[in-house]
Amino acid sequence: MTQPEQPRRNESLRFGLQVKIDLSRSIRRRSQNESEMTELRGMLSSLIDKIRNQRIANQTIANRLDQAERELAERRAASVRERNQTPLDPLRGTSNPQNAGLFGTPEIPSARSGRYTGENSQRPLPQGMIHRSFSYSGLDEIDTGLQRSTDMDVLLGSQFGRLFHLPAARCHKSTKLIGSLLCCQLITARKYELWYTFGTHPLRFSLDEFHSITGLNCSAFDVEYSDSEDTAGSVMWQKLFDTTVGDITVAKVLEMLCNPFLASWKRLTLALIALVDGFLCCTNKTLKLTPKYVVMLTNVPSFLNYPWGRLSFVYTLSRFLPPPVSKDIPDPLHELRIRLSQQTTVCYGFPVALQLLAFEAVPQLLDRVPDAANTSTFLEDPSACTTTVVILNTKDNLAVEA
């Protein structure tokens, strides 16, 4: 081999080696790309499965939400139908429009629809309705203050008239009876009903019974009854009491009514505010007047038509039922137990309506009330307003319930 051929041979060998190297690298890259492609396909397949599963889960959640919305709509519709349904008066079997509204519960039997008669009692059920006021020492003073005038006729012809036509013998307070009924109450989901038991019989105290017992206007609140301005309150307060808004009590109002020199136009208005703040909607121990109610006296006809029965019922239940949950009261039932275990407790509103309902639902209790058959009213027997008689002690209640 000649010398010029040797470089050509070496060049050919280098070229062949380079080709092999490039081919090897190409094969390696192709293998690596295939591996990466396979891995990528696996990741893409896994991602598709996750998306498909998430879509199925989302659809399941959407179906459940739709079902929950339908159930909620059905419950709301049922609640609206329940509130709009006019309940029947259990005593007369006729429609009572005043009972329709927020507190109407027509599907639940009232205390009157199932009277407690005992196991072997043959006592006939009492006829008619019994009503009672919260406190009666001021009724005679109101009657005297109005001096049997046309103002008294207006008062007796209004929703407050029944307070003066109650059988005096049955209207003395029995705190033992009311306390025992509250201690036997049943806790329910209904916000504006008190359920309690006497013996083995569950009884209900709701707005329906409250209206029948008191005869007060228990219709729904009207939007026109809103808080008035302080200026108007100051003007009316100044006219009635010759002073700015202050701590005037019901006792002071009754004292003014007994003044023979009182201006005649003040007598009816003072009698009305005494009835509301002293008998129906009292919310404090000293019976201070409520400035808002004084403002409402600027329109006496509107004042007479106001749903005082509904407002009084709300105040009454506020001390009968467990208080609402709050930061200071995390356990309402425990708070109610403490309240009922005290020797004394404050009741607002018109709590004696519950006692009258108990007399009507459990007629055997009247057997232990002194002179219960006497139907003389407070107008017929003014001395009953100031006479204090203790009726129905704990032994009496237990004996009737046994």
Protein backbone atom coordinates (compact mmCIF):
# COMPACT_ATOMS: atom_id res chain seq x y z
CA MET A 1 0.00 0.00 0.00
CA THR A 2 1.30 3.34 -0.99
CA GLN A 3 1.56 6.27 1.34
CA PRO A 4 -1.25 8.35 -0.28
CA GLU A 5 -3.77 5.54 0.25
CA GLN A 6 -3.19 5.36 4.01
CA PRO A 7 -4.86 8.74 4.90
CA ARG A 8 -7.82 7.83 2.75
CA ARG A 9 -8.30 4.61 4.63
CA ASN A 10 -8.07 6.35 7.99
CA GLU A 11 -10.58 8.94 6.82
CA SER A 12 -12.98 6.20 5.76
CA LEU A 13 -12.65 4.46 9.11
CA ARG A 14 -13.32 7.70 11.00
CA PHE A 15 -16.34 8.37 8.85
CA GLY A 16 -17.75 4.90 9.44
CA LEU A 17 -17.18 5.20 13.18
CA GLN A 18 -18.94 8.57 13.24
CA VAL A 19 -21.89 7.09 11.37
CA LYS A 20 -22.16 4.31 13.93
CA ILE A 21 -21.97 6.81 16.77
CA ASP A 22 -24.67 9.00 15.23
CA LEU A 23 -26.85 5.98 14.58
CA SER A 24 -26.43 4.81 18.18
CA ARG A 25 -27.31 8.25 19.47
CA SER A 26 -30.35 8.41 17.22
CA ILE A 27 -31.54 5.01 18.45
CA ARG A 28 -30.96 6.11 22.06
CA ARG A 29 -32.89 9.36 21.53
CA ARG A 30 -35.71 7.51 19.84
CA SER A 31 -35.93 5.05 22.71
CA GLN A 32 -35.87 7.93 25.20
CA ASN A 33 -38.58 9.77 23.27
CA GLU A 34 -40.72 6.65 23.16
CA SER A 35 -40.28 6.23 26.93
CA GLU A 36 -41.18 9.85 27.51
CA MET A 37 -44.14 9.53 25.16
CA THR A 38 -45.35 6.45 27.00
CA GLU A 39 -45.01 8.29 30.31
CA LEU A 40 -46.79 11.28 28.87
CA ARG A 41 -49.61 9.09 27.58
CA GLY A 42 -49.94 7.57 31.06
CA MET A 43 -50.07 10.99 32.70
CA LEU A 44 -52.61 12.22 30.15
CA SER A 45 -54.77 9.13 30.67
CA SER A 46 -54.61 9.60 34.45
CA LEU A 47 -55.56 13.26 34.07
CA ILE A 48 -58.50 12.37 31.86
CA ASP A 49 -59.71 9.84 34.46
CA LYS A 50 -59.44 12.44 37.22
CA ILE A 51 -61.38 14.98 35.16
CA ARG A 52 -64.05 12.39 34.40
CA ASN A 53 -64.35 11.42 38.09
CA GLN A 54 -64.49 15.08 39.14
CA ARG A 55 -67.23 15.73 36.60
CA ILE A 56 -69.24 12.82 37.98
CA ALA A 57 -68.72 14.11 41.55
CA ASN A 58 -69.78 17.61 40.53
CA GLN A 59 -72.91 16.27 38.89
CA THR A 60 -73.74 14.29 42.03
CA ILE A 61 -73.34 17.42 44.17
CA ALA A 62 -75.47 19.42 41.76
CA ASN A 63 -78.22 16.79 41.91
CA ARG A 64 -78.16 16.84 45.71
CA LEU A 65 -78.32 20.65 45.74
CA ASP A 66 -81.27 20.60 43.37
CA GLN A 67 -83.02 18.07 45.58
CA ALA A 68 -82.31 20.14 48.69
CA GLU A 69 -83.64 23.29 47.00
CA ARG A 70 -86.82 21.47 45.99
CA GLU A 71 -87.33 20.17 49.54
CA LEU A 72 -86.70 23.64 50.97
CA ALA A 73 -89.19 25.17 48.53
CA GLU A 74 -91.77 22.55 49.48
CA ARG A 75 -91.24 23.22 53.20
CA ARG A 76 -91.53 26.96 52.68
CA ALA A 77 -94.72 26.51 50.70
CA ALA A 78 -96.12 24.26 53.44
CA SER A 79 -95.16 26.85 56.05
CA VAL A 80 -96.87 29.61 54.09
CA ARG A 81 -100.00 27.48 53.71
CA GLU A 82 -99.94 26.77 57.44
CA ARG A 83 -99.63 30.47 58.35
CA ASN A 84 -102.31 31.52 55.88
CA GLN A 85 -104.77 28.85 56.93
CA THR A 86 -107.48 30.26 59.22
CA PRO A 87 -107.79 28.09 62.35
CA LEU A 88 -111.14 27.26 63.83
CA ASP A 89 -112.27 28.52 67.20
CA PRO A 90 -112.39 25.30 69.29
CA LEU A 91 -115.26 26.61 71.42
CA ARG A 92 -117.67 27.70 68.69
CA GLY A 93 -116.46 25.72 65.68
CA THR A 94 -116.47 28.88 63.54
CA SER A 95 -113.69 30.69 61.76
CA ASN A 96 -111.81 33.23 63.83
CA PRO A 97 -109.90 35.62 61.54
CA GLN A 98 -107.92 37.12 64.40
CA ASN A 99 -106.19 33.81 64.93
CA ALA A 100 -104.68 33.69 61.43
CA GLY A 101 -101.12 34.87 61.03
CA LEU A 102 -97.70 34.30 62.49
CA PHE A 103 -98.79 32.23 65.48
CA GLY A 104 -101.71 30.32 63.94
CA THR A 105 -101.44 26.55 64.52
CA PRO A 106 -104.72 25.04 63.28
CA GLU A 107 -103.48 21.48 62.94
CA ILE A 108 -102.66 21.11 66.65
CA PRO A 109 -105.43 20.55 69.23
CA SER A 110 -105.71 23.26 71.86
CA ALA A 111 -106.19 22.75 75.56
CA ARG A 112 -109.94 23.19 75.13
CA SER A 113 -110.29 20.41 72.58
CA GLY A 114 -109.17 17.83 75.14
CA ARG A 115 -110.25 18.74 78.65
CA TYR A 116 -108.80 16.88 81.60
CA THR A 117 -111.71 15.07 83.26
CA GLY A 118 -109.89 12.48 85.34
CA GLU A 119 -110.33 8.74 85.21
CA ASN A 120 -113.80 8.51 86.78
CA SER A 121 -114.96 12.12 86.69
CA GLN A 122 -118.62 12.68 85.81
CA ARG A 123 -118.40 16.47 86.25
CA PRO A 124 -120.08 18.32 83.35
CA LEU A 125 -117.83 20.52 81.28
CA PRO A 126 -118.22 24.24 82.05
CA GLN A 127 -120.01 26.39 79.52
CA GLY A 128 -118.78 29.77 78.28
CA MET A 129 -115.37 31.38 78.57
CA ILE A 130 -113.48 32.69 81.55
CA HIS A 131 -111.17 35.69 81.32
CA ARG A 132 -108.81 37.36 83.71
CA SER A 133 -106.58 40.45 84.09
CA PHE A 134 -103.02 40.56 85.42
CA SER A 135 -103.73 42.81 88.39
CA TYR A 136 -107.04 44.26 89.54
CA SER A 137 -106.29 46.81 92.23
CA GLY A 138 -106.29 49.55 89.57
CA LEU A 139 -109.54 48.60 87.81
CA ASP A 140 -111.67 50.20 90.49
CA GLU A 141 -109.52 53.35 90.34
CA ILE A 142 -109.95 53.51 86.57
CA ASP A 143 -113.71 53.04 86.95
CA THR A 144 -113.82 55.75 89.60
CA GLY A 145 -111.54 58.05 87.58
CA LEU A 146 -113.78 57.84 84.52
CA GLN A 147 -116.81 58.48 86.75
CA ARG A 148 -119.16 56.26 84.72
CA SER A 149 -118.94 58.79 81.90
CA THR A 150 -119.02 58.29 78.14
CA ASP A 151 -115.29 57.61 78.40
CA MET A 152 -116.09 54.53 80.45
CA ASP A 153 -118.58 53.43 77.80
CA VAL A 154 -115.86 53.79 75.15
CA LEU A 155 -113.49 51.70 77.27
CA LEU A 156 -116.05 48.96 77.95
CA GLY A 157 -116.94 48.82 74.26
CA SER A 158 -113.31 48.35 73.20
CA GLN A 159 -111.04 45.30 73.28
CA PHE A 160 -110.28 46.12 76.95
CA GLY A 161 -113.93 45.75 78.03
CA ARG A 162 -113.66 42.12 79.08
CA LEU A 163 -111.13 42.97 81.75
CA PHE A 164 -113.94 44.64 83.71
CA HIS A 165 -116.44 41.78 83.23
CA LEU A 166 -114.51 38.93 84.83
CA PRO A 167 -115.82 36.72 87.65
CA ALA A 168 -113.94 38.18 90.60
CA ALA A 169 -113.86 34.91 92.57
CA ARG A 170 -111.89 33.14 89.85
CA CYS A 171 -109.45 35.96 89.19
CA HIS A 172 -107.21 35.87 92.22
CA LYS A 173 -103.66 34.90 91.28
CA SER A 174 -102.42 31.38 91.96
CA THR A 175 -98.65 31.50 91.50
CA LYS A 176 -98.41 27.87 92.63
CA LEU A 177 -100.61 26.73 89.77
CA ILE A 178 -98.80 28.79 87.14
CA GLY A 179 -95.42 27.66 88.48
CA SER A 180 -96.40 24.00 88.44
CA LEU A 181 -97.62 24.25 84.85
CA LEU A 182 -94.37 25.88 83.74
CA CYS A 183 -92.34 23.17 85.48
CA CYS A 184 -94.27 20.53 83.51
CA GLN A 185 -93.81 22.15 80.12
CA LEU A 186 -92.72 20.22 77.04
CA ILE A 187 -89.88 21.60 74.94
CA THR A 188 -90.97 21.84 71.30
CA ALA A 189 -89.70 23.46 68.12
CA ARG A 190 -92.58 25.95 68.06
CA LYS A 191 -91.37 29.40 69.03
CA TYR A 192 -94.75 30.88 69.98
CA GLU A 193 -96.47 28.02 71.80
CA LEU A 194 -96.25 26.68 75.33
CA TRP A 195 -96.99 22.97 75.71
CA TYR A 196 -97.36 21.50 79.19
CA THR A 197 -98.80 18.41 80.81
CA PHE A 198 -101.42 17.99 83.51
CA GLY A 199 -101.56 14.39 84.62
CA THR A 200 -100.95 12.49 81.41
CA HIS A 201 -102.64 15.07 79.18
CA PRO A 202 -100.61 17.46 76.99
CA LEU A 203 -102.17 20.91 76.73
CA ARG A 204 -101.33 23.92 74.56
CA PHE A 205 -101.17 27.64 75.30
CA SER A 206 -100.91 29.60 72.06
CA LEU A 207 -102.17 32.86 70.57
CA ASP A 208 -105.49 31.15 69.79
CA GLU A 209 -106.14 30.37 73.44
CA PHE A 210 -104.82 33.75 74.54
CA HIS A 211 -107.31 35.55 72.29
CA SER A 212 -110.24 33.46 73.49
CA ILE A 213 -109.30 33.99 77.14
CA THR A 214 -108.69 37.75 76.98
CA GLY A 215 -110.84 38.92 74.07
CA LEU A 216 -108.00 41.23 73.04
CA ASN A 217 -107.10 42.12 69.48
CA CYS A 218 -104.53 39.52 68.39
CA SER A 219 -104.36 40.34 64.69
CA ALA A 220 -101.07 40.88 62.87
CA PHE A 221 -99.01 44.01 63.43
CA ASP A 222 -99.47 46.69 60.79
CA VAL A 223 -96.50 48.42 59.19
CA GLU A 224 -98.04 51.78 60.06
CA TYR A 225 -97.33 51.13 63.73
CA SER A 226 -93.72 52.27 63.78
CA ASP A 227 -91.58 54.13 66.26
CA SER A 228 -92.45 57.81 66.35
CA GLU A 229 -89.97 60.58 66.69
CA ASP A 230 -88.77 61.63 70.13
CA THR A 231 -90.12 65.12 69.52
CA ALA A 232 -93.67 63.83 69.18
CA GLY A 233 -93.22 61.75 72.32
CA SER A 234 -91.99 64.75 74.26
CA VAL A 235 -94.98 66.82 73.12
CA MET A 236 -97.57 64.22 74.19
CA TRP A 237 -95.73 63.53 77.42
CA GLN A 238 -95.66 67.26 78.13
CA LYS A 239 -99.40 67.55 77.52
CA LEU A 240 -100.34 64.69 79.80
CA PHE A 241 -97.87 65.09 82.64
CA ASP A 242 -96.74 68.73 82.34
CA THR A 243 -93.15 67.56 82.26
CA THR A 244 -90.58 66.12 79.88
CA VAL A 245 -90.21 62.39 79.33
CA GLY A 246 -89.26 60.81 82.63
CA ASP A 247 -89.92 57.98 85.07
CA ILE A 248 -93.70 58.20 85.42
CA THR A 249 -95.24 54.98 86.80
CA VAL A 250 -98.67 53.41 86.52
CA ALA A 251 -99.23 54.20 90.21
CA LYS A 252 -98.76 57.89 89.42
CA VAL A 253 -101.25 57.66 86.54
CA LEU A 254 -103.87 56.03 88.79
CA GLU A 255 -103.28 58.74 91.35
CA MET A 256 -103.90 61.38 88.69
CA LEU A 257 -107.15 59.65 87.65
CA CYS A 258 -108.47 59.97 91.18
CA ASN A 259 -107.96 63.75 91.12
CA PRO A 260 -111.43 65.33 90.68
CA PHE A 261 -109.85 68.42 89.09
CA LEU A 262 -108.11 66.50 86.30
CA ALA A 263 -108.87 67.78 82.79
CA SER A 264 -111.61 65.66 81.24
CA TRP A 265 -109.72 65.05 77.97
CA LYS A 266 -106.90 63.37 79.91
CA ARG A 267 -109.03 60.75 81.66
CA LEU A 268 -109.51 58.26 78.83
CA THR A 269 -105.91 58.54 77.64
CA LEU A 270 -104.55 57.98 81.16
CA ALA A 271 -106.89 55.03 81.68
CA LEU A 272 -105.65 53.45 78.43
CA ILE A 273 -101.97 53.83 79.23
CA ALA A 274 -102.60 52.41 82.72
CA LEU A 275 -104.29 49.34 81.24
CA VAL A 276 -101.53 48.70 78.71
CA ASP A 277 -98.46 49.39 80.84
CA GLY A 278 -99.97 48.12 84.10
CA PHE A 279 -102.03 45.11 83.06
CA LEU A 280 -101.19 43.80 79.60
CA CYS A 281 -97.67 44.74 78.49
CA CYS A 282 -95.80 45.39 81.71
CA THR A 283 -92.07 44.72 81.25
CA ASN A 284 -90.56 46.05 84.49
CA LYS A 285 -91.14 45.66 88.20
CA THR A 286 -91.87 49.32 88.85
CA LEU A 287 -94.41 49.57 86.00
CA LYS A 288 -92.84 52.61 84.37
CA LEU A 289 -94.68 54.05 81.40
CA THR A 290 -93.40 53.27 77.90
CA PRO A 291 -92.77 56.50 75.94
CA LYS A 292 -93.72 54.83 72.66
CA TYR A 293 -97.19 53.98 74.01
CA VAL A 294 -97.64 57.55 75.22
CA VAL A 295 -96.89 58.76 71.68
CA MET A 296 -99.58 56.43 70.32
CA LEU A 297 -102.15 58.22 72.50
CA THR A 298 -102.08 61.12 70.05
CA ASN A 299 -104.55 59.02 68.03
CA VAL A 300 -106.96 57.36 70.48
CA PRO A 301 -109.01 55.37 67.87
CA SER A 302 -105.77 53.91 66.48
CA PHE A 303 -104.64 53.11 70.02
CA LEU A 304 -107.91 51.27 70.69
CA ASN A 305 -107.49 49.18 67.52
CA TYR A 306 -103.84 48.28 68.06
CA PRO A 307 -103.20 44.49 68.46
CA TRP A 308 -102.37 44.71 72.16
CA GLY A 309 -103.30 41.06 72.57
CA ARG A 310 -100.53 39.89 70.25
CA LEU A 311 -97.97 42.16 71.90
CA SER A 312 -99.04 41.04 75.38
CA PHE A 313 -98.80 37.40 74.32
CA VAL A 314 -95.23 37.89 73.06
CA TYR A 315 -94.22 39.49 76.37
CA THR A 316 -95.96 36.71 78.31
CA LEU A 317 -94.16 33.88 76.52
CA SER A 318 -90.80 35.62 76.91
CA ARG A 319 -90.72 34.43 80.53
CA PHE A 320 -92.52 31.12 80.02
CA LEU A 321 -90.26 29.54 77.40
CA PRO A 322 -86.47 29.00 77.35
CA PRO A 323 -84.60 32.20 76.44
CA PRO A 324 -82.93 32.44 73.03
CA VAL A 325 -79.34 31.27 72.62
CA SER A 326 -76.80 34.05 73.09
CA LYS A 327 -73.23 34.62 74.17
CA ASP A 328 -74.37 34.96 77.78
CA ILE A 329 -76.89 32.08 77.55
CA PRO A 330 -75.29 29.17 75.68
CA ASP A 331 -77.69 26.64 77.25
CA PRO A 332 -81.30 27.97 77.28
CA LEU A 333 -82.74 24.87 78.98
CA HIS A 334 -80.28 25.17 81.85
CA GLU A 335 -81.22 28.85 82.19
CA LEU A 336 -84.92 27.94 82.29
CA ARG A 337 -84.28 25.32 84.99
CA ILE A 338 -82.47 27.90 87.10
CA ARG A 339 -85.30 30.40 86.60
CA LEU A 340 -87.96 27.88 87.64
CA SER A 341 -85.96 26.58 90.61
CA GLN A 342 -85.84 30.02 92.22
CA GLN A 343 -88.27 30.84 95.00
CA THR A 344 -89.46 33.89 93.09
CA THR A 345 -89.30 34.80 89.41
CA VAL A 346 -90.60 37.68 87.33
CA CYS A 347 -93.33 37.20 84.74
CA TYR A 348 -94.12 39.93 82.22
CA GLY A 349 -97.06 40.48 79.94
CA PHE A 350 -100.33 38.85 80.99
CA PRO A 351 -99.37 35.51 82.61
CA VAL A 352 -102.64 34.85 84.40
CA ALA A 353 -104.23 33.95 81.07
CA LEU A 354 -102.48 30.61 81.53
CA GLN A 355 -104.31 30.14 84.85
CA LEU A 356 -107.67 30.85 83.22
CA LEU A 357 -106.89 28.33 80.52
CA ALA A 358 -106.07 25.74 83.19
CA PHE A 359 -109.44 26.39 84.89
CA GLU A 360 -111.18 25.84 81.58
CA ALA A 361 -109.21 22.74 80.56
CA VAL A 362 -109.20 21.18 84.06
CA PRO A 363 -112.59 22.02 85.63
CA GLN A 364 -111.77 20.00 88.77
CA LEU A 365 -109.48 22.84 89.84
CA LEU A 366 -112.52 25.08 90.35
CA ASP A 367 -113.77 22.71 93.07
CA ARG A 368 -110.89 23.96 95.21
CA VAL A 369 -111.36 27.67 94.45
CA PRO A 370 -113.35 29.49 97.18
CA ASP A 371 -116.73 30.73 95.95
CA ALA A 372 -115.89 29.76 92.37
CA ALA A 373 -119.58 29.66 91.45
CA ASN A 374 -119.95 33.37 92.23
CA THR A 375 -120.03 35.19 88.90
CA SER A 376 -119.99 38.77 90.25
CA THR A 377 -117.67 40.95 88.16
CA PHE A 378 -115.25 43.62 89.31
CA LEU A 379 -117.75 46.29 88.29
CA GLU A 380 -120.45 44.65 90.39
CA ASP A 381 -118.15 43.98 93.34
CA PRO A 382 -115.45 46.70 93.49
CA SER A 383 -114.17 45.39 96.83
CA ALA A 384 -112.81 42.33 95.00
CA CYS A 385 -110.23 44.61 93.35
CA THR A 386 -108.46 45.21 96.63
CA THR A 387 -109.15 41.86 98.34
CA THR A 388 -106.26 39.40 98.24
CA VAL A 389 -107.22 35.72 98.33
CA VAL A 390 -104.74 32.86 98.03
CA ILE A 391 -106.13 30.04 95.91
CA LEU A 392 -104.84 26.63 94.86
CA ASN A 393 -101.76 25.71 96.84
CA THR A 394 -99.40 22.91 95.87
CA LYS A 395 -101.45 20.25 97.67
CA ASP A 396 -104.56 21.27 95.74
CA ASN A 397 -102.75 21.01 92.42
CA LEU A 398 -101.30 17.59 93.22
CA ALA A 399 -104.64 16.29 94.50
CA VAL A 400 -106.45 17.23 91.28
CA GLU A 401 -103.64 15.91 89.09
CA ALA A 402 -103.47 12.54 90.90
